[in-house]
mmCIF file of all heavy atoms, coordinates in Angstrom:
data_MODEL
# 
_entry.id   MODEL 
# 
loop_
_atom_site.group_PDB 
_atom_site.id 
_atom_site.type_symbol 
_atom_site.label_atom_id 
_atom_site.label_alt_id 
_atom_site.label_comp_id 
_atom_site.label_asym_id 
_atom_site.label_entity_id 
_atom_site.label_seq_id 
_atom_site.pdbx_PDB_ins_code 
_atom_site.Cartn_x 
_atom_site.Cartn_y 
_atom_site.Cartn_z 
_atom_site.occupancy 
_atom_site.B_iso_or_equiv 
_atom_site.pdbx_formal_charge 
_atom_site.auth_seq_id 
_atom_site.auth_comp_id 
_atom_site.auth_asym_id 
_atom_site.auth_atom_id 
_atom_site.pdbx_PDB_model_num 
ATOM 1   N N   . LEU A 1 1  ? -6.073  -31.990 20.435 1.00 0.00 ? 1  LEU A N   1 
ATOM 2   C CA  . LEU A 1 1  ? -7.109  -32.624 19.632 1.00 0.00 ? 1  LEU A CA  1 
ATOM 3   C C   . LEU A 1 1  ? -7.551  -31.728 18.486 1.00 0.00 ? 1  LEU A C   1 
ATOM 4   O O   . LEU A 1 1  ? -7.578  -30.504 18.626 1.00 0.00 ? 1  LEU A O   1 
ATOM 5   C CB  . LEU A 1 1  ? -8.294  -32.985 20.518 1.00 0.00 ? 1  LEU A CB  1 
ATOM 6   C CG  . LEU A 1 1  ? -7.948  -33.903 21.694 1.00 0.00 ? 1  LEU A CG  1 
ATOM 7   C CD1 . LEU A 1 1  ? -9.186  -34.184 22.529 1.00 0.00 ? 1  LEU A CD1 1 
ATOM 8   C CD2 . LEU A 1 1  ? -7.307  -35.190 21.221 1.00 0.00 ? 1  LEU A CD2 1 
ATOM 9   N N   . PRO A 1 2  ? -7.911  -32.333 17.356 1.00 0.00 ? 2  PRO A N   1 
ATOM 10  C CA  . PRO A 1 2  ? -8.325  -31.544 16.199 1.00 0.00 ? 2  PRO A CA  1 
ATOM 11  C C   . PRO A 1 2  ? -9.681  -30.885 16.428 1.00 0.00 ? 2  PRO A C   1 
ATOM 12  O O   . PRO A 1 2  ? -10.632 -31.522 16.864 1.00 0.00 ? 2  PRO A O   1 
ATOM 13  C CB  . PRO A 1 2  ? -8.401  -32.573 15.071 1.00 0.00 ? 2  PRO A CB  1 
ATOM 14  C CG  . PRO A 1 2  ? -8.547  -33.884 15.742 1.00 0.00 ? 2  PRO A CG  1 
ATOM 15  C CD  . PRO A 1 2  ? -7.905  -33.763 17.087 1.00 0.00 ? 2  PRO A CD  1 
ATOM 16  N N   . THR A 1 3  ? -9.743  -29.595 16.146 1.00 0.00 ? 3  THR A N   1 
ATOM 17  C CA  . THR A 1 3  ? -10.970 -28.818 16.286 1.00 0.00 ? 3  THR A CA  1 
ATOM 18  C C   . THR A 1 3  ? -11.098 -27.900 15.078 1.00 0.00 ? 3  THR A C   1 
ATOM 19  O O   . THR A 1 3  ? -10.218 -27.064 14.852 1.00 0.00 ? 3  THR A O   1 
ATOM 20  C CB  . THR A 1 3  ? -10.929 -27.970 17.570 1.00 0.00 ? 3  THR A CB  1 
ATOM 21  O OG1 . THR A 1 3  ? -10.656 -28.818 18.672 1.00 0.00 ? 3  THR A OG1 1 
ATOM 22  C CG2 . THR A 1 3  ? -12.236 -27.259 17.796 1.00 0.00 ? 3  THR A CG2 1 
ATOM 23  N N   . PRO A 1 4  ? -12.164 -28.044 14.309 1.00 0.00 ? 4  PRO A N   1 
ATOM 24  C CA  . PRO A 1 4  ? -12.329 -27.141 13.168 1.00 0.00 ? 4  PRO A CA  1 
ATOM 25  C C   . PRO A 1 4  ? -12.593 -25.713 13.635 1.00 0.00 ? 4  PRO A C   1 
ATOM 26  O O   . PRO A 1 4  ? -13.131 -25.500 14.718 1.00 0.00 ? 4  PRO A O   1 
ATOM 27  C CB  . PRO A 1 4  ? -13.536 -27.694 12.416 1.00 0.00 ? 4  PRO A CB  1 
ATOM 28  C CG  . PRO A 1 4  ? -14.072 -28.819 13.198 1.00 0.00 ? 4  PRO A CG  1 
ATOM 29  C CD  . PRO A 1 4  ? -13.212 -29.031 14.399 1.00 0.00 ? 4  PRO A CD  1 
ATOM 30  N N   . ALA A 1 5  ? -12.214 -24.784 12.796 1.00 0.00 ? 5  ALA A N   1 
ATOM 31  C CA  . ALA A 1 5  ? -12.455 -23.367 13.098 1.00 0.00 ? 5  ALA A CA  1 
ATOM 32  C C   . ALA A 1 5  ? -13.949 -23.076 13.065 1.00 0.00 ? 5  ALA A C   1 
ATOM 33  O O   . ALA A 1 5  ? -14.722 -23.772 12.413 1.00 0.00 ? 5  ALA A O   1 
ATOM 34  C CB  . ALA A 1 5  ? -11.732 -22.487 12.081 1.00 0.00 ? 5  ALA A CB  1 
ATOM 35  N N   . ASP A 1 6  ? -14.341 -22.041 13.763 1.00 0.00 ? 6  ASP A N   1 
ATOM 36  C CA  . ASP A 1 6  ? -15.709 -21.551 13.713 1.00 0.00 ? 6  ASP A CA  1 
ATOM 37  C C   . ASP A 1 6  ? -15.829 -20.710 12.438 1.00 0.00 ? 6  ASP A C   1 
ATOM 38  O O   . ASP A 1 6  ? -15.138 -19.694 12.307 1.00 0.00 ? 6  ASP A O   1 
ATOM 39  C CB  . ASP A 1 6  ? -15.992 -20.709 14.951 1.00 0.00 ? 6  ASP A CB  1 
ATOM 40  C CG  . ASP A 1 6  ? -17.388 -20.111 14.956 1.00 0.00 ? 6  ASP A CG  1 
ATOM 41  O OD1 . ASP A 1 6  ? -18.135 -20.314 13.977 1.00 0.00 ? 6  ASP A OD1 1 
ATOM 42  O OD2 . ASP A 1 6  ? -17.720 -19.452 15.951 1.00 0.00 ? 6  ASP A OD2 1 
ATOM 43  N N   . PRO A 1 7  ? -16.674 -21.116 11.478 1.00 0.00 ? 7  PRO A N   1 
ATOM 44  C CA  . PRO A 1 7  ? -16.783 -20.354 10.225 1.00 0.00 ? 7  PRO A CA  1 
ATOM 45  C C   . PRO A 1 7  ? -17.166 -18.891 10.446 1.00 0.00 ? 7  PRO A C   1 
ATOM 46  O O   . PRO A 1 7  ? -16.877 -18.043 9.617  1.00 0.00 ? 7  PRO A O   1 
ATOM 47  C CB  . PRO A 1 7  ? -17.876 -21.074 9.444  1.00 0.00 ? 7  PRO A CB  1 
ATOM 48  C CG  . PRO A 1 7  ? -18.007 -22.413 10.074 1.00 0.00 ? 7  PRO A CG  1 
ATOM 49  C CD  . PRO A 1 7  ? -17.560 -22.277 11.501 1.00 0.00 ? 7  PRO A CD  1 
ATOM 50  N N   . ALA A 1 8  ? -17.789 -18.585 11.573 1.00 0.00 ? 8  ALA A N   1 
ATOM 51  C CA  . ALA A 1 8  ? -18.180 -17.200 11.852 1.00 0.00 ? 8  ALA A CA  1 
ATOM 52  C C   . ALA A 1 8  ? -17.015 -16.357 12.335 1.00 0.00 ? 8  ALA A C   1 
ATOM 53  O O   . ALA A 1 8  ? -17.148 -15.153 12.494 1.00 0.00 ? 8  ALA A O   1 
ATOM 54  C CB  . ALA A 1 8  ? -19.299 -17.187 12.899 1.00 0.00 ? 8  ALA A CB  1 
ATOM 55  N N   . SER A 1 9  ? -15.862 -16.986 12.593 1.00 0.00 ? 9  SER A N   1 
ATOM 56  C CA  . SER A 1 9  ? -14.678 -16.266 13.082 1.00 0.00 ? 9  SER A CA  1 
ATOM 57  C C   . SER A 1 9  ? -13.552 -16.367 12.063 1.00 0.00 ? 9  SER A C   1 
ATOM 58  O O   . SER A 1 9  ? -12.649 -17.183 12.200 1.00 0.00 ? 9  SER A O   1 
ATOM 59  C CB  . SER A 1 9  ? -14.217 -16.847 14.419 1.00 0.00 ? 9  SER A CB  1 
ATOM 60  O OG  . SER A 1 9  ? -15.230 -16.769 15.365 1.00 0.00 ? 9  SER A OG  1 
ATOM 61  N N   . PRO A 1 10 ? -13.586 -15.545 11.009 1.00 0.00 ? 10 PRO A N   1 
ATOM 62  C CA  . PRO A 1 10 ? -12.578 -15.666 9.947  1.00 0.00 ? 10 PRO A CA  1 
ATOM 63  C C   . PRO A 1 10 ? -11.150 -15.365 10.409 1.00 0.00 ? 10 PRO A C   1 
ATOM 64  O O   . PRO A 1 10 ? -10.203 -15.754 9.741  1.00 0.00 ? 10 PRO A O   1 
ATOM 65  C CB  . PRO A 1 10 ? -13.044 -14.665 8.894  1.00 0.00 ? 10 PRO A CB  1 
ATOM 66  C CG  . PRO A 1 10 ? -13.914 -13.703 9.625  1.00 0.00 ? 10 PRO A CG  1 
ATOM 67  C CD  . PRO A 1 10 ? -14.523 -14.468 10.760 1.00 0.00 ? 10 PRO A CD  1 
ATOM 68  N N   . ASP A 1 11 ? -10.987 -14.699 11.533 1.00 0.00 ? 11 ASP A N   1 
ATOM 69  C CA  . ASP A 1 11 ? -9.647  -14.372 12.013 1.00 0.00 ? 11 ASP A CA  1 
ATOM 70  C C   . ASP A 1 11 ? -9.052  -15.449 12.916 1.00 0.00 ? 11 ASP A C   1 
ATOM 71  O O   . ASP A 1 11 ? -7.931  -15.295 13.393 1.00 0.00 ? 11 ASP A O   1 
ATOM 72  C CB  . ASP A 1 11 ? -9.667  -13.048 12.775 1.00 0.00 ? 11 ASP A CB  1 
ATOM 73  C CG  . ASP A 1 11 ? -10.023 -11.881 11.866 1.00 0.00 ? 11 ASP A CG  1 
ATOM 74  O OD1 . ASP A 1 11 ? -9.770  -11.981 10.646 1.00 0.00 ? 11 ASP A OD1 1 
ATOM 75  O OD2 . ASP A 1 11 ? -10.558 -10.885 12.369 1.00 0.00 ? 11 ASP A OD2 1 
ATOM 76  N N   . GLN A 1 12 ? -9.789  -16.521 13.155 1.00 0.00 ? 12 GLN A N   1 
ATOM 77  C CA  . GLN A 1 12 ? -9.299  -17.592 14.026 1.00 0.00 ? 12 GLN A CA  1 
ATOM 78  C C   . GLN A 1 12 ? -8.023  -18.187 13.429 1.00 0.00 ? 12 GLN A C   1 
ATOM 79  O O   . GLN A 1 12 ? -7.953  -18.476 12.242 1.00 0.00 ? 12 GLN A O   1 
ATOM 80  C CB  . GLN A 1 12 ? -10.376 -18.671 14.178 1.00 0.00 ? 12 GLN A CB  1 
ATOM 81  C CG  . GLN A 1 12 ? -10.057 -19.685 15.237 1.00 0.00 ? 12 GLN A CG  1 
ATOM 82  C CD  . GLN A 1 12 ? -11.248 -20.617 15.479 1.00 0.00 ? 12 GLN A CD  1 
ATOM 83  O OE1 . GLN A 1 12 ? -12.350 -20.360 15.039 1.00 0.00 ? 12 GLN A OE1 1 
ATOM 84  N NE2 . GLN A 1 12 ? -10.993 -21.690 16.179 1.00 0.00 ? 12 GLN A NE2 1 
ATOM 85  N N   . GLU A 1 13 ? -7.017  -18.357 14.274 1.00 0.00 ? 13 GLU A N   1 
ATOM 86  C CA  . GLU A 1 13 ? -5.697  -18.782 13.818 1.00 0.00 ? 13 GLU A CA  1 
ATOM 87  C C   . GLU A 1 13 ? -5.594  -20.268 13.492 1.00 0.00 ? 13 GLU A C   1 
ATOM 88  O O   . GLU A 1 13 ? -4.792  -20.658 12.668 1.00 0.00 ? 13 GLU A O   1 
ATOM 89  C CB  . GLU A 1 13 ? -4.646  -18.440 14.880 1.00 0.00 ? 13 GLU A CB  1 
ATOM 90  C CG  . GLU A 1 13 ? -4.370  -16.960 15.004 1.00 0.00 ? 13 GLU A CG  1 
ATOM 91  C CD  . GLU A 1 13 ? -3.705  -16.382 13.772 1.00 0.00 ? 13 GLU A CD  1 
ATOM 92  O OE1 . GLU A 1 13 ? -2.777  -17.001 13.245 1.00 0.00 ? 13 GLU A OE1 1 
ATOM 93  O OE2 . GLU A 1 13 ? -4.139  -15.305 13.331 1.00 0.00 ? 13 GLU A OE2 1 
ATOM 94  N N   . VAL A 1 14 ? -6.360  -21.121 14.159 1.00 0.00 ? 14 VAL A N   1 
ATOM 95  C CA  . VAL A 1 14 ? -6.236  -22.565 13.935 1.00 0.00 ? 14 VAL A CA  1 
ATOM 96  C C   . VAL A 1 14 ? -7.579  -23.158 13.545 1.00 0.00 ? 14 VAL A C   1 
ATOM 97  O O   . VAL A 1 14 ? -8.629  -22.607 13.838 1.00 0.00 ? 14 VAL A O   1 
ATOM 98  C CB  . VAL A 1 14 ? -5.696  -23.285 15.202 1.00 0.00 ? 14 VAL A CB  1 
ATOM 99  C CG1 . VAL A 1 14 ? -4.287  -22.841 15.521 1.00 0.00 ? 14 VAL A CG1 1 
ATOM 100 C CG2 . VAL A 1 14 ? -6.605  -23.076 16.387 1.00 0.00 ? 14 VAL A CG2 1 
ATOM 101 N N   . GLY A 1 15 ? -7.511  -24.302 12.855 1.00 0.00 ? 15 GLY A N   1 
ATOM 102 C CA  . GLY A 1 15 ? -8.707  -25.043 12.524 1.00 0.00 ? 15 GLY A CA  1 
ATOM 103 C C   . GLY A 1 15 ? -9.265  -24.813 11.134 1.00 0.00 ? 15 GLY A C   1 
ATOM 104 O O   . GLY A 1 15 ? -10.185 -25.494 10.713 1.00 0.00 ? 15 GLY A O   1 
ATOM 105 N N   . ARG A 1 16 ? -8.694  -23.859 10.397 1.00 0.00 ? 16 ARG A N   1 
ATOM 106 C CA  . ARG A 1 16 ? -9.221  -23.589 9.056  1.00 0.00 ? 16 ARG A CA  1 
ATOM 107 C C   . ARG A 1 16 ? -8.951  -24.730 8.099  1.00 0.00 ? 16 ARG A C   1 
ATOM 108 O O   . ARG A 1 16 ? -9.763  -25.013 7.217  1.00 0.00 ? 16 ARG A O   1 
ATOM 109 C CB  . ARG A 1 16 ? -8.655  -22.284 8.517  1.00 0.00 ? 16 ARG A CB  1 
ATOM 110 C CG  . ARG A 1 16 ? -9.181  -21.078 9.279  1.00 0.00 ? 16 ARG A CG  1 
ATOM 111 C CD  . ARG A 1 16 ? -8.603  -19.805 8.761  1.00 0.00 ? 16 ARG A CD  1 
ATOM 112 N NE  . ARG A 1 16 ? -7.181  -19.807 9.081  1.00 0.00 ? 16 ARG A NE  1 
ATOM 113 C CZ  . ARG A 1 16 ? -6.383  -18.769 8.975  1.00 0.00 ? 16 ARG A CZ  1 
ATOM 114 N NH1 . ARG A 1 16 ? -6.853  -17.647 8.537  1.00 0.00 ? 16 ARG A NH1 1 
ATOM 115 N NH2 . ARG A 1 16 ? -5.126  -18.846 9.301  1.00 0.00 ? 16 ARG A NH2 1 
ATOM 116 N N   . GLY A 1 17 ? -7.833  -25.403 8.258  1.00 0.00 ? 17 GLY A N   1 
ATOM 117 C CA  . GLY A 1 17 ? -7.527  -26.553 7.402  1.00 0.00 ? 17 GLY A CA  1 
ATOM 118 C C   . GLY A 1 17 ? -8.519  -27.682 7.582  1.00 0.00 ? 17 GLY A C   1 
ATOM 119 O O   . GLY A 1 17 ? -8.865  -28.384 6.630  1.00 0.00 ? 17 GLY A O   1 
ATOM 120 N N   . LEU A 1 18 ? -9.010  -27.863 8.800  1.00 0.00 ? 18 LEU A N   1 
ATOM 121 C CA  . LEU A 1 18 ? -10.001 -28.910 9.039  1.00 0.00 ? 18 LEU A CA  1 
ATOM 122 C C   . LEU A 1 18 ? -11.347 -28.565 8.402  1.00 0.00 ? 18 LEU A C   1 
ATOM 123 O O   . LEU A 1 18 ? -12.091 -29.464 8.000  1.00 0.00 ? 18 LEU A O   1 
ATOM 124 C CB  . LEU A 1 18 ? -10.157 -29.177 10.533 1.00 0.00 ? 18 LEU A CB  1 
ATOM 125 C CG  . LEU A 1 18 ? -8.953  -29.864 11.173 1.00 0.00 ? 18 LEU A CG  1 
ATOM 126 C CD1 . LEU A 1 18 ? -9.135  -29.953 12.680 1.00 0.00 ? 18 LEU A CD1 1 
ATOM 127 C CD2 . LEU A 1 18 ? -8.720  -31.234 10.567 1.00 0.00 ? 18 LEU A CD2 1 
ATOM 128 N N   . LEU A 1 19 ? -11.659 -27.292 8.288  1.00 0.00 ? 19 LEU A N   1 
ATOM 129 C CA  . LEU A 1 19 ? -12.858 -26.896 7.543  1.00 0.00 ? 19 LEU A CA  1 
ATOM 130 C C   . LEU A 1 19 ? -12.719 -27.299 6.079  1.00 0.00 ? 19 LEU A C   1 
ATOM 131 O O   . LEU A 1 19 ? -13.675 -27.760 5.452  1.00 0.00 ? 19 LEU A O   1 
ATOM 132 C CB  . LEU A 1 19 ? -13.103 -25.393 7.644  1.00 0.00 ? 19 LEU A CB  1 
ATOM 133 C CG  . LEU A 1 19 ? -13.592 -24.859 8.981  1.00 0.00 ? 19 LEU A CG  1 
ATOM 134 C CD1 . LEU A 1 19 ? -13.703 -23.340 8.944  1.00 0.00 ? 19 LEU A CD1 1 
ATOM 135 C CD2 . LEU A 1 19 ? -14.919 -25.486 9.351  1.00 0.00 ? 19 LEU A CD2 1 
ATOM 136 N N   . LEU A 1 20 ? -11.533 -27.134 5.544  1.00 0.00 ? 20 LEU A N   1 
ATOM 137 C CA  . LEU A 1 20 ? -11.251 -27.547 4.172  1.00 0.00 ? 20 LEU A CA  1 
ATOM 138 C C   . LEU A 1 20 ? -11.384 -29.057 4.031  1.00 0.00 ? 20 LEU A C   1 
ATOM 139 O O   . LEU A 1 20 ? -12.003 -29.552 3.084  1.00 0.00 ? 20 LEU A O   1 
ATOM 140 C CB  . LEU A 1 20 ? -9.852  -27.068 3.777  1.00 0.00 ? 20 LEU A CB  1 
ATOM 141 C CG  . LEU A 1 20 ? -9.431  -27.236 2.338  1.00 0.00 ? 20 LEU A CG  1 
ATOM 142 C CD1 . LEU A 1 20 ? -10.392 -26.514 1.409  1.00 0.00 ? 20 LEU A CD1 1 
ATOM 143 C CD2 . LEU A 1 20 ? -8.031  -26.699 2.151  1.00 0.00 ? 20 LEU A CD2 1 
ATOM 144 N N   . VAL A 1 21 ? -10.807 -29.801 4.975  1.00 0.00 ? 21 VAL A N   1 
ATOM 145 C CA  . VAL A 1 21 ? -10.925 -31.265 4.961  1.00 0.00 ? 21 VAL A CA  1 
ATOM 146 C C   . VAL A 1 21 ? -12.399 -31.669 4.996  1.00 0.00 ? 21 VAL A C   1 
ATOM 147 O O   . VAL A 1 21 ? -12.839 -32.537 4.240  1.00 0.00 ? 21 VAL A O   1 
ATOM 148 C CB  . VAL A 1 21 ? -10.139 -31.895 6.130  1.00 0.00 ? 21 VAL A CB  1 
ATOM 149 C CG1 . VAL A 1 21 ? -10.469 -33.374 6.286  1.00 0.00 ? 21 VAL A CG1 1 
ATOM 150 C CG2 . VAL A 1 21 ? -8.635  -31.705 5.925  1.00 0.00 ? 21 VAL A CG2 1 
ATOM 151 N N   . ALA A 1 22 ? -13.180 -31.028 5.847  1.00 0.00 ? 22 ALA A N   1 
ATOM 152 C CA  . ALA A 1 22 ? -14.613 -31.342 5.948  1.00 0.00 ? 22 ALA A CA  1 
ATOM 153 C C   . ALA A 1 22 ? -15.341 -31.043 4.640  1.00 0.00 ? 22 ALA A C   1 
ATOM 154 O O   . ALA A 1 22 ? -16.259 -31.774 4.256  1.00 0.00 ? 22 ALA A O   1 
ATOM 155 C CB  . ALA A 1 22 ? -15.239 -30.564 7.098  1.00 0.00 ? 22 ALA A CB  1 
ATOM 156 N N   . ALA A 1 23 ? -14.940 -29.982 3.952  1.00 0.00 ? 23 ALA A N   1 
ATOM 157 C CA  . ALA A 1 23 ? -15.588 -29.616 2.695  1.00 0.00 ? 23 ALA A CA  1 
ATOM 158 C C   . ALA A 1 23 ? -15.198 -30.558 1.556  1.00 0.00 ? 23 ALA A C   1 
ATOM 159 O O   . ALA A 1 23 ? -16.010 -30.825 0.668  1.00 0.00 ? 23 ALA A O   1 
ATOM 160 C CB  . ALA A 1 23 ? -15.238 -28.178 2.330  1.00 0.00 ? 23 ALA A CB  1 
ATOM 161 N N   . LEU A 1 24 ? -13.977 -31.070 1.570  1.00 0.00 ? 24 LEU A N   1 
ATOM 162 C CA  . LEU A 1 24 ? -13.482 -31.901 0.476  1.00 0.00 ? 24 LEU A CA  1 
ATOM 163 C C   . LEU A 1 24 ? -13.852 -33.370 0.603  1.00 0.00 ? 24 LEU A C   1 
ATOM 164 O O   . LEU A 1 24 ? -13.939 -34.076 -0.399 1.00 0.00 ? 24 LEU A O   1 
ATOM 165 C CB  . LEU A 1 24 ? -11.950 -31.795 0.384  1.00 0.00 ? 24 LEU A CB  1 
ATOM 166 C CG  . LEU A 1 24 ? -11.390 -30.458 -0.052 1.00 0.00 ? 24 LEU A CG  1 
ATOM 167 C CD1 . LEU A 1 24 ? -9.875  -30.449 0.095  1.00 0.00 ? 24 LEU A CD1 1 
ATOM 168 C CD2 . LEU A 1 24 ? -11.789 -30.151 -1.489 1.00 0.00 ? 24 LEU A CD2 1 
ATOM 169 N N   . THR A 1 25 ? -14.033 -33.839 1.825  1.00 0.00 ? 25 THR A N   1 
ATOM 170 C CA  . THR A 1 25 ? -14.247 -35.265 2.037  1.00 0.00 ? 25 THR A CA  1 
ATOM 171 C C   . THR A 1 25 ? -15.687 -35.538 2.478  1.00 0.00 ? 25 THR A C   1 
ATOM 172 O O   . THR A 1 25 ? -16.432 -34.624 2.812  1.00 0.00 ? 25 THR A O   1 
ATOM 173 C CB  . THR A 1 25 ? -13.265 -35.815 3.093  1.00 0.00 ? 25 THR A CB  1 
ATOM 174 O OG1 . THR A 1 25 ? -13.496 -35.168 4.344  1.00 0.00 ? 25 THR A OG1 1 
ATOM 175 C CG2 . THR A 1 25 ? -11.820 -35.591 2.653  1.00 0.00 ? 25 THR A CG2 1 
# 
């Protein structure tokens, strides 16, 4: 399931793209 990355964890390997999707849409 899709899970956005935790913005407080910049080294997190997955979910950063969903943060971008959330920011753009």
